[in-house]
C-alpha atoms as a PDB file:
ATOM      1  CA  MET A   1      10.594 -22.842 -22.088  1.00  0.00           C
ATOM      2  CA  ALA A   2       8.802 -20.116 -20.210  1.00  0.00           C
ATOM      3  CA  THR A   3       5.721 -20.266 -18.489  1.00  0.00           C
ATOM      4  CA  ILE A   4       4.005 -18.498 -16.206  1.00  0.00           C
ATOM      5  CA  TYR A   5       1.668 -20.782 -14.087  1.00  0.00           C
ATOM      6  CA  GLN A   6      -0.125 -20.236 -10.882  1.00  0.00           C
ATOM      7  CA  ARG A   7       0.320 -22.173  -7.183  1.00  0.00           C
ATOM      8  CA  GLY A   8      -2.431 -21.477  -5.303  1.00  0.00           C
ATOM      9  CA  ARG A   9      -3.731 -17.934  -6.376  1.00  0.00           C
ATOM     10  CA  THR A  10       0.304 -16.264  -6.820  1.00  0.00           C
ATOM     11  CA  TRP A  11       1.466 -16.556 -10.518  1.00  0.00           C
ATOM     12  CA  TRP A  12       4.393 -18.119 -11.025  1.00  0.00           C
ATOM     13  CA  GLY A  13       7.770 -18.300 -13.304  1.00  0.00           C
ATOM     14  CA  ARG A  14       9.530 -20.446 -15.214  1.00  0.00           C
ATOM     15  CA  VAL A  15      12.441 -19.854 -17.433  1.00  0.00           C
ATOM     16  CA  THR A  16      15.345 -23.315 -18.865  1.00  0.00           C
ATOM     17  CA  VAL A  17      18.756 -21.237 -19.139  1.00  0.00           C
ATOM     18  CA  ASN A  18      21.083 -23.417 -20.930  1.00  0.00           C
ATOM     19  CA  GLY A  19      19.508 -26.297 -19.477  1.00  0.00           C
ATOM     20  CA  ARG A  20      19.089 -25.044 -16.266  1.00  0.00           C
ATOM     21  CA  GLU A  21      15.877 -23.979 -15.063  1.00  0.00           C
ATOM     22  CA  HIS A  22      14.583 -21.257 -12.873  1.00  0.00           C
ATOM     23  CA  ARG A  23      11.402 -20.930 -11.325  1.00  0.00           C
ATOM     24  CA  GLY A  24      10.126 -17.846  -9.014  1.00  0.00           C
ATOM     25  CA  SER A  25       6.727 -16.080  -7.335  1.00  0.00           C
ATOM     26  CA  LEU A  26       6.056 -12.565  -9.365  1.00  0.00           C
ATOM     27  CA  GLY A  27       4.389 -11.820  -6.959  1.00  0.00           C
ATOM     28  CA  THR A  28       0.587 -11.120  -7.740  1.00  0.00           C
ATOM     29  CA  HIS A  29      -2.455 -12.879  -7.686  1.00  0.00           C
ATOM     30  CA  HIS A  30      -3.450 -10.668 -11.182  1.00  0.00           C
ATOM     31  CA  GLU A  31      -2.908 -12.565 -14.801  1.00  0.00           C
ATOM     32  CA  ALA A  32      -2.315  -8.981 -16.432  1.00  0.00           C
ATOM     33  CA  ILE A  33       0.499  -7.659 -14.036  1.00  0.00           C
ATOM     34  CA  ALA A  34       1.828 -11.480 -14.114  1.00  0.00           C
ATOM     35  CA  ARG A  35       2.272 -10.987 -17.484  1.00  0.00           C
ATOM     36  CA  GLU A  36       4.311  -7.880 -17.085  1.00  0.00           C
ATOM     37  CA  ARG A  37       7.003  -9.035 -14.509  1.00  0.00           C
ATOM     38  CA  PHE A  38       7.623 -12.486 -15.918  1.00  0.00           C
ATOM     39  CA  ARG A  39       9.262 -10.509 -19.299  1.00  0.00           C
ATOM     40  CA  ASP A  40      11.164  -8.478 -17.033  1.00  0.00           C
ATOM     41  CA  TRP A  41      12.069 -11.353 -14.858  1.00  0.00           C
ATOM     42  CA  ALA A  42      13.135 -13.774 -17.626  1.00  0.00           C
ATOM     43  CA  LEU A  43      15.466 -11.412 -18.017  1.00  0.00           C
ATOM     44  CA  SER A  44      17.204 -10.979 -15.243  1.00  0.00           C
ATOM     45  CA  VAL A  45      17.375 -14.519 -15.110  1.00  0.00           C
ATOM     46  CA  GLY A  46      19.906 -14.190 -18.213  1.00  0.00           C
ATOM     47  CA  SER A  47      17.280 -15.299 -20.672  1.00  0.00           C
ATOM     48  CA  ARG A  48      18.322 -13.375 -23.910  1.00  0.00           C
ATOM     49  CA  SER A  49      16.103 -15.446 -26.551  1.00  0.00           C
ATOM     50  CA  HIS A  50      13.127 -13.094 -27.718  1.00  0.00           C
ATOM     51  CA  GLU A  51      11.777 -15.669 -30.061  1.00  0.00           C
ATOM     52  CA  HIS A  52      10.699 -18.175 -28.836  1.00  0.00           C
ATOM     53  CA  ALA A  53       7.206 -18.957 -28.400  1.00  0.00           C
ATOM     54  CA  VAL A  54       5.879 -18.864 -24.336  1.00  0.00           C
ATOM     55  CA  ARG A  55       3.263 -21.066 -23.276  1.00  0.00           C
ATOM     56  CA  GLY A  56      -0.411 -20.489 -21.594  1.00  0.00           C
ATOM     57  CA  SER A  57      -1.610 -17.458 -23.358  1.00  0.00           C
ATOM     58  CA  LEU A  58       1.343 -15.003 -23.709  1.00  0.00           C
ATOM     59  CA  GLY A  59       2.314 -15.786 -27.059  1.00  0.00           C
ATOM     60  CA  PRO A  60       6.110 -15.036 -28.041  1.00  0.00           C
ATOM     61  CA  MET A  61       7.750 -12.491 -26.111  1.00  0.00           C
ATOM     62  CA  SER A  62       9.263  -9.402 -27.817  1.00  0.00           C
ATOM     63  CA  SER A  63      11.704  -7.276 -27.532  1.00  0.00           C
ATOM     64  CA  THR A  64       9.540  -4.545 -27.191  1.00  0.00           C
ATOM     65  CA  PRO A  65       7.161  -6.131 -25.216  1.00  0.00           C
ATOM     66  CA  SER A  66       3.761  -3.797 -23.848  1.00  0.00           C
ATOM     67  CA  ARG A  67       3.872  -2.427 -20.930  1.00  0.00           C
ATOM     68  CA  PRO A  68       0.351  -1.946 -18.736  1.00  0.00           C
ATOM     69  CA  ARG A  69      -0.230   1.862 -17.789  1.00  0.00           C
ATOM     70  CA  GLY A  70      -1.319   3.056 -14.966  1.00  0.00           C
ATOM     71  CA  SER A  71      -0.005   5.304 -11.549  1.00  0.00           C
ATOM     72  CA  ILE A  72       2.617   5.010  -9.142  1.00  0.00           C
ATOM     73  CA  TYR A  73       2.204   6.329  -6.051  1.00  0.00           C
ATOM     74  CA  ALA A  74       2.965   7.553  -2.712  1.00  0.00           C
ATOM     75  CA  ILE A  75       0.531   6.540  -0.002  1.00  0.00           C
ATOM     76  CA  GLY A  76       1.814   6.920   3.582  1.00  0.00           C
ATOM     77  CA  TYR A  77       1.941   7.864   7.007  1.00  0.00           C
ATOM     78  CA  GLY A  78       4.277   9.778   9.005  1.00  0.00           C
ATOM     79  CA  ASP A  79       7.988   9.634   7.735  1.00  0.00           C
ATOM     80  CA  LYS A  80       6.812   6.013   6.285  1.00  0.00           C
ATOM     81  CA  VAL A  81       5.960   5.691   2.517  1.00  0.00           C
ATOM     82  CA  LYS A  82       4.230   2.887   0.217  1.00  0.00           C
ATOM     83  CA  ILE A  83       5.733   2.809  -3.373  1.00  0.00           C
ATOM     84  CA  GLY A  84       2.908   0.760  -5.428  1.00  0.00           C
ATOM     85  CA  TRP A  85       0.972   0.718  -8.865  1.00  0.00           C
ATOM     86  CA  ALA A  86      -2.073   0.420  -9.713  1.00  0.00           C
ATOM     87  CA  VAL A  87      -4.154  -0.052 -12.747  1.00  0.00           C
ATOM     88  CA  SER A  88      -6.642   2.222 -11.147  1.00  0.00           C
ATOM     89  CA  SER A  89      -7.039   5.575  -9.550  1.00  0.00           C
ATOM     90  CA  PRO A  90      -4.029   6.958  -6.837  1.00  0.00           C
ATOM     91  CA  LEU A  91      -7.293   7.058  -5.207  1.00  0.00           C
ATOM     92  CA  GLU A  92      -8.946   4.250  -5.564  1.00  0.00           C
ATOM     93  CA  ARG A  93      -5.243   2.721  -4.794  1.00  0.00           C
ATOM     94  CA  LEU A  94      -5.866   5.268  -1.502  1.00  0.00           C
ATOM     95  CA  ALA A  95      -8.661   3.464  -0.463  1.00  0.00           C
ATOM     96  CA  ALA A  96      -8.532   0.270  -0.461  1.00  0.00           C
ATOM     97  CA  LEU A  97      -5.754   0.246   1.783  1.00  0.00           C
ATOM     98  CA  GLN A  98      -7.191   2.537   4.482  1.00  0.00           C
ATOM     99  CA  ILE A  99      -9.010  -0.698   4.861  1.00  0.00           C
ATOM    100  CA  ARG A 100      -6.184  -2.646   5.712  1.00  0.00           C
ATOM    101  CA  CYS A 101      -4.295   0.242   7.923  1.00  0.00           C
ATOM    102  CA  PRO A 102      -5.456   1.250  11.196  1.00  0.00           C
ATOM    103  CA  GLU A 103      -3.687   4.662  10.622  1.00  0.00           C
ATOM    104  CA  ASP A 104      -4.742   7.706   8.418  1.00  0.00           C
ATOM    105  CA  LEU A 105      -2.980   7.085   5.240  1.00  0.00           C
ATOM    106  CA  THR A 106      -2.535  10.159   2.594  1.00  0.00           C
ATOM    107  CA  LEU A 107      -1.726  10.060  -1.000  1.00  0.00           C
ATOM    108  CA  PHE A 108       1.709  11.847  -1.134  1.00  0.00           C
ATOM    109  CA  GLY A 109       2.476  12.059  -4.592  1.00  0.00           C
ATOM    110  CA  SER A 110       1.339  10.091  -8.689  1.00  0.00           C
ATOM    111  CA  CYS A 111       2.657  10.141 -11.768  1.00  0.00           C
ATOM    112  CA  PRO A 112       1.518   7.932 -15.197  1.00  0.00           C
ATOM    113  CA  GLY A 113       4.648   5.053 -15.265  1.00  0.00           C
ATOM    114  CA  SER A 114       4.029   1.396 -15.991  1.00  0.00           C
ATOM    115  CA  ILE A 115       5.794  -1.481 -13.168  1.00  0.00           C
ATOM    116  CA  SER A 116       9.118  -1.885 -14.943  1.00  0.00           C
ATOM    117  CA  GLU A 117       9.592   2.205 -13.668  1.00  0.00           C
ATOM    118  CA  GLU A 118       8.088   1.174 -10.600  1.00  0.00           C
ATOM    119  CA  ARG A 119      10.454  -1.703  -9.396  1.00  0.00           C
ATOM    120  CA  ALA A 120      13.101   0.740 -10.954  1.00  0.00           C
ATOM    121  CA  LEU A 121      12.226   2.755  -8.093  1.00  0.00           C
ATOM    122  CA  HIS A 122      12.509   0.094  -5.198  1.00  0.00           C
ATOM    123  CA  ARG A 123      15.814  -1.251  -6.094  1.00  0.00           C
ATOM    124  CA  LYS A 124      16.639   2.860  -6.273  1.00  0.00           C
ATOM    125  CA  PHE A 125      15.516   3.639  -2.686  1.00  0.00           C
ATOM    126  CA  ALA A 126      16.919  -0.340  -1.070  1.00  0.00           C
ATOM    127  CA  GLN A 127      18.779   1.816   1.035  1.00  0.00           C
ATOM    128  CA  HIS A 128      15.291   3.605   2.593  1.00  0.00           C
ATOM    129  CA  ARG A 129      13.782   0.192   2.461  1.00  0.00           C
ATOM    130  CA  ILE A 130      10.982  -0.144   5.536  1.00  0.00           C
ATOM    131  CA  ARG A 131       9.895  -3.813   3.893  1.00  0.00           C
ATOM    132  CA  GLY A 132       8.428  -4.824   0.413  1.00  0.00           C
ATOM    133  CA  GLU A 133       6.849  -1.309  -0.892  1.00  0.00           C
ATOM    134  CA  TRP A 134       7.331   0.541   1.737  1.00  0.00           C
ATOM    135  CA  PHE A 135      10.654   2.791   2.258  1.00  0.00           C
ATOM    136  CA  TRP A 136      11.441   4.843   5.076  1.00  0.00           C
ATOM    137  CA  MET A 137      10.665   9.071   3.646  1.00  0.00           C
ATOM    138  CA  ARG A 138      14.178  10.427   3.308  1.00  0.00           C
ATOM    139  CA  ASP A 139      17.052  11.495   1.031  1.00  0.00           C
ATOM    140  CA  GLU A 140      15.640  10.659  -2.903  1.00  0.00           C
ATOM    141  CA  VAL A 141      12.732   8.824  -1.776  1.00  0.00           C
ATOM    142  CA  ALA A 142      11.682  11.959  -0.334  1.00  0.00           C
ATOM    143  CA  GLU A 143      12.582  13.849  -3.366  1.00  0.00           C
ATOM    144  CA  TRP A 144      11.184  12.021  -5.371  1.00  0.00           C
ATOM    145  CA  VAL A 145       8.020  12.024  -3.584  1.00  0.00           C
ATOM    146  CA  GLU A 146       8.019  16.088  -3.399  1.00  0.00           C
ATOM    147  CA  GLN A 147       8.901  16.293  -7.252  1.00  0.00           C
ATOM    148  CA  HIS A 148       5.086  14.396  -7.406  1.00  0.00           C
ATOM    149  CA  ARG A 149       3.384  15.497  -4.919  1.00  0.00           C
ATOM    150  CA  THR A 150      -0.410  15.740  -4.635  1.00  0.00           C
ATOM    151  CA  ALA A 151      -3.108  17.784  -2.416  1.00  0.00           C
ATOM    152  CA  GLY A 152      -1.938  15.715   0.204  1.00  0.00           C
ATOM    153  CA  LEU A 153      -5.492  13.892  -0.423  1.00  0.00           C
ATOM    154  CA  ARG A 154      -7.170  11.257   2.783  1.00  0.00           C
ATOM    155  CA  ALA A 155      -9.615   8.262   2.458  1.00  0.00           C
ATOM    156  CA  ALA A 156     -12.848   9.638   3.151  1.00  0.00           C
END
């Protein structure tokens, strides 16, 4: 059995593997993002059955799930950078983040990508993690940002 469900505003996943139930937060308030994360999370906890039906509106899991496309962005200030993913444009995300940040944020770079690709970058840069999606802009993080550099746009 595999399902997603909401607790408060946050989406969670539940899957049974070899008779053992696994539950985990999918870390989002958006159902579409939860669906994408659920498929990856279910595989990470050992669920290998792609043919079983998933309850709710997910439908059957497939070995090639559709991946919502959006942008992977690098937004930050000084030597700190947030590497995230958004369906909206990176400039819209910059404006949304700026509202909650006392520092002047800059869009350092962006590229087309999926949530899975963003999460892979988080794992790759784990040793530079400050907290959550925030990283020190050093070594391979700085190299990735430089490869995807924009004009250094700031929120209006």
